[in-house]
Protein backbone atom coordinates (compact mmCIF):
# COMPACT_ATOMS: atom_id res chain seq x y z
CA HIS A 1 -75.41 -40.36 42.14
CA ASP A 2 -73.51 -37.20 41.12
CA GLU A 3 -76.08 -35.00 42.89
CA ASP A 4 -75.40 -36.94 46.11
CA ALA A 5 -71.67 -36.67 45.53
CA LEU A 6 -72.07 -32.93 45.07
CA SER A 7 -73.49 -32.36 48.54
CA VAL A 8 -70.76 -34.54 50.05
CA ARG A 9 -67.98 -32.74 48.14
CA GLU A 10 -69.36 -29.30 49.05
CA ALA A 11 -69.63 -30.28 52.73
CA ASP A 12 -66.11 -31.69 52.63
CA LEU A 13 -64.68 -28.43 51.31
CA VAL A 14 -66.61 -26.34 53.86
CA MET A 15 -65.42 -28.59 56.69
CA ARG A 16 -61.79 -28.37 55.55
CA LEU A 17 -62.05 -24.58 55.36
CA ARG A 18 -63.64 -24.42 58.82
CA ILE A 19 -60.94 -26.50 60.51
CA GLY A 20 -58.12 -24.69 58.74
CA ALA A 21 -56.88 -27.68 56.78
CA PRO A 22 -53.53 -27.34 55.00
CA GLU A 23 -53.71 -25.69 51.58
CA ARG A 24 -52.84 -28.92 49.77
CA CYS A 25 -55.90 -30.60 51.32
CA LEU A 26 -58.07 -27.66 50.29
CA LEU A 27 -56.77 -27.85 46.73
CA LEU A 28 -57.57 -31.56 46.59
CA ALA A 29 -61.09 -30.92 47.87
CA GLN A 30 -61.55 -28.16 45.28
CA SER A 31 -60.35 -30.45 42.50
CA ASN A 32 -62.73 -33.22 43.61
CA LEU A 33 -65.63 -30.75 43.76
CA ALA A 34 -64.69 -29.46 40.29
CA ASN A 35 -64.85 -33.05 38.97
CA THR A 36 -68.39 -33.35 40.31
CA TYR A 37 -69.46 -29.98 38.90
CA GLN A 38 -68.03 -31.00 35.53
CA ARG A 39 -69.95 -34.31 35.51
CA LEU A 40 -73.14 -32.38 36.34
CA GLY A 41 -72.56 -29.96 33.47
CA ARG A 42 -71.87 -27.02 35.78
CA LEU A 43 -68.84 -26.01 33.77
CA ASP A 44 -68.53 -22.42 34.99
CA ASP A 45 -68.48 -23.61 38.61
CA ALA A 46 -65.98 -26.32 37.73
CA LEU A 47 -63.76 -23.84 35.89
CA ARG A 48 -63.56 -21.46 38.84
CA LEU A 49 -62.38 -24.27 41.11
CA ARG A 50 -60.03 -25.70 38.47
CA GLN A 51 -58.37 -22.33 38.07
CA ASP A 52 -57.89 -22.03 41.84
CA ALA A 53 -56.57 -25.60 42.05
CA TYR A 54 -54.13 -25.05 39.18
CA PHE A 55 -52.71 -21.76 40.43
CA GLY A 56 -52.59 -23.01 44.03
CA THR A 57 -50.73 -26.17 43.00
CA LEU A 58 -48.40 -24.13 40.79
CA ARG A 59 -47.59 -21.89 43.76
CA LEU A 60 -47.02 -24.84 46.14
CA ASP A 61 -45.27 -27.33 43.86
CA GLY A 62 -43.79 -25.25 41.05
CA GLU A 63 -44.13 -25.59 37.29
CA GLU A 64 -42.27 -28.91 37.03
CA SER A 65 -44.54 -30.92 39.32
CA ARG A 66 -46.72 -33.78 38.11
CA ASN A 67 -49.52 -32.36 40.29
CA THR A 68 -49.20 -29.01 38.51
CA PHE A 69 -49.35 -30.69 35.09
CA LEU A 70 -52.44 -32.65 36.16
CA GLU A 71 -54.24 -29.55 37.44
CA ALA A 72 -53.22 -27.59 34.33
CA ASN A 73 -54.59 -30.29 32.03
CA ASN A 74 -57.85 -30.46 34.00
CA TYR A 75 -58.12 -26.66 33.85
CA ALA A 76 -57.42 -26.72 30.10
CA ALA A 77 -60.03 -29.45 29.55
CA ASP A 78 -62.69 -27.34 31.28
CA LEU A 79 -61.64 -24.28 29.27
CA ARG A 80 -61.97 -26.39 26.11
CA CYS A 81 -65.47 -27.55 27.11
CA LEU A 82 -66.40 -23.88 27.43
CA GLU A 83 -64.86 -23.26 23.98
CA ARG A 84 -62.22 -20.93 25.36
CA PHE A 85 -59.71 -22.34 22.90
CA GLU A 86 -57.18 -19.49 22.91
CA GLU A 87 -56.69 -19.91 26.66
CA VAL A 88 -56.24 -23.67 26.26
CA LYS A 89 -53.64 -23.18 23.55
CA ARG A 90 -51.77 -20.50 25.48
CA LEU A 91 -51.63 -22.60 28.68
CA LEU A 92 -50.66 -25.89 27.05
CA ARG A 93 -48.17 -24.40 24.57
CA ARG A 94 -46.26 -23.15 27.58
CA LEU A 95 -46.51 -26.33 29.67
CA MET A 96 -46.24 -29.17 27.13
CA PRO A 97 -42.49 -28.74 26.53
CA VAL A 98 -41.92 -28.71 30.30
CA ALA A 99 -44.05 -31.85 30.74
CA ARG A 100 -42.15 -33.62 27.96
CA ARG A 101 -38.84 -32.76 29.58
CA VAL A 102 -39.93 -33.67 33.13
CA LEU A 103 -42.27 -36.62 32.52
CA GLY A 104 -41.14 -37.82 29.10
CA ASP A 105 -42.99 -38.25 25.83
CA ASN A 106 -44.39 -41.65 26.83
CA ASP A 107 -46.09 -40.50 30.03
CA ARG A 108 -49.90 -40.72 30.05
CA LEU A 109 -50.26 -37.15 31.32
CA THR A 110 -47.94 -35.79 28.63
CA LEU A 111 -50.03 -37.62 26.03
CA LYS A 112 -53.27 -36.25 27.47
CA MET A 113 -51.91 -32.71 27.42
CA SER A 114 -50.92 -33.08 23.75
CA TRP A 115 -54.31 -34.58 22.93
CA ASN A 116 -56.13 -31.78 24.77
CA TYR A 117 -54.04 -29.15 22.95
CA ALA A 118 -54.63 -30.66 19.50
CA THR A 119 -58.35 -30.98 20.18
CA ALA A 120 -58.52 -27.29 21.06
CA LEU A 121 -56.75 -26.49 17.80
CA TYR A 122 -59.15 -28.31 15.51
CA MET A 123 -62.36 -27.57 17.44
CA ASP A 124 -61.84 -23.81 17.25
CA ASP A 125 -64.12 -22.34 14.56
CA GLY A 126 -61.47 -19.68 14.01
CA ALA A 127 -58.72 -22.24 13.35
CA THR A 128 -56.51 -21.55 10.37
CA VAL A 129 -55.44 -24.28 7.95
CA ASP A 130 -52.05 -24.19 9.69
CA ASP A 131 -53.80 -24.75 13.06
CA LEU A 132 -55.62 -27.74 11.59
CA ARG A 133 -52.39 -29.14 10.17
CA GLU A 134 -50.73 -28.72 13.56
CA ALA A 135 -53.65 -30.56 15.17
CA VAL A 136 -53.33 -33.46 12.73
CA THR A 137 -49.55 -33.65 13.16
CA THR A 138 -49.83 -33.50 16.95
CA LEU A 139 -52.55 -36.16 17.03
CA GLU A 140 -50.62 -38.44 14.66
CA GLU A 141 -47.61 -38.29 16.96
CA THR A 142 -49.74 -38.67 20.10
CA GLU A 143 -51.65 -41.63 18.63
CA ARG A 144 -48.42 -43.35 17.58
CA ILE A 145 -46.98 -43.02 21.09
CA ALA A 146 -50.27 -44.06 22.76
CA ARG A 147 -50.48 -47.14 20.52
CA ARG A 148 -46.92 -48.12 21.45
CA VAL A 149 -47.34 -47.42 25.18
CA PHE A 150 -50.93 -48.58 25.79
CA GLY A 151 -51.81 -50.73 22.78
CA GLY A 152 -54.39 -50.18 20.07
CA ALA A 153 -57.41 -51.28 22.11
CA HIS A 154 -56.77 -48.98 25.09
CA PRO A 155 -59.52 -46.36 25.56
CA THR A 156 -57.03 -43.49 25.48
CA THR A 157 -55.64 -44.72 22.15
CA THR A 158 -59.07 -45.19 20.60
CA GLU A 159 -60.25 -41.75 21.74
CA ILE A 160 -57.12 -40.13 20.29
CA GLU A 161 -57.75 -42.02 17.03
CA GLN A 162 -61.30 -40.63 16.94
CA CYS A 163 -59.99 -37.08 17.40
CA LEU A 164 -57.43 -37.71 14.66
CA ARG A 165 -60.22 -38.75 12.27
CA GLU A 166 -62.21 -35.65 13.21
CA SER A 167 -59.22 -33.34 12.75
CA ARG A 168 -58.46 -34.86 9.34
CA ALA A 169 -62.10 -34.37 8.36
CA ALA A 170 -61.89 -30.73 9.49
CA ILE A 171 -58.84 -30.07 7.35
CA ARG A 172 -60.40 -31.85 4.34
CA ALA A 173 -63.53 -29.73 4.74
CA ARG A 174 -61.47 -26.56 4.96
CA GLU A 175 -59.28 -27.43 1.99
CA GLY A 176 -62.14 -28.88 -0.06
CA THR A 177 -60.39 -32.26 -0.47
CA PRO A 178 -62.82 -35.11 -1.31
CA PRO A 179 -62.68 -37.84 1.39
CA GLY A 180 -61.57 -40.52 -1.10
CA ASN A 181 -58.49 -38.48 -2.03
CA ALA A 182 -57.27 -37.87 1.52
CA ARG A 183 -55.24 -39.98 3.91
CA PRO A 184 -57.34 -42.19 6.20
C-alpha cells in the first residue's frame, strides 16, 4: 500500500512543480511525500523533504503559526528517528515556549512537541543525569496534561506513559537505583 502511495505522491509533487503550483501547495505535497518515505523507512529522504517543508512554512507563515509548529515537530521527529538528538533539542527548545504561548499548554501539538523533546533527551546515549531528570520532569507534566485533556485510555496518553516509564528506567539505570526503590 505505501509503495503505491509513494508513486502517487511523487507524481503529485512533480505535477505541482510542472504547473507552477503555489508554494503552499508544494510544501503540502512535500510533507505528504515525506510521510510516505517515513512509513517506508526511507528516513534520509523524508528528512530532506521535512526540512524543506519546515523552513518553507516558517518563511511563509512565520514562527507563531500552527502550520510551522506542525512542520517543526514532524522535522524533529524524523531527526529523532535518525538519532540526531542535539538538533531535535535545539529546534524544540526554541519553539516549545512559543507554541505554549500561542497554542496553550493543553493543545495536542504543544503536548506532542514536549513529548518529542523529552524522548530525544532520554534516548540520547550521551544524555547526562540532568538531561534524564529533565526528560522525566517534562514527561510527567506532559502525561498529566494529556490525561486531563484526552483521558487515560487515549493513545497519545498511553504512549506518553510508556515513554515516561522508559525515561524513569533510564535514570534508574544511570544512577544505579534498584527498581523496587524508585518511583513507579
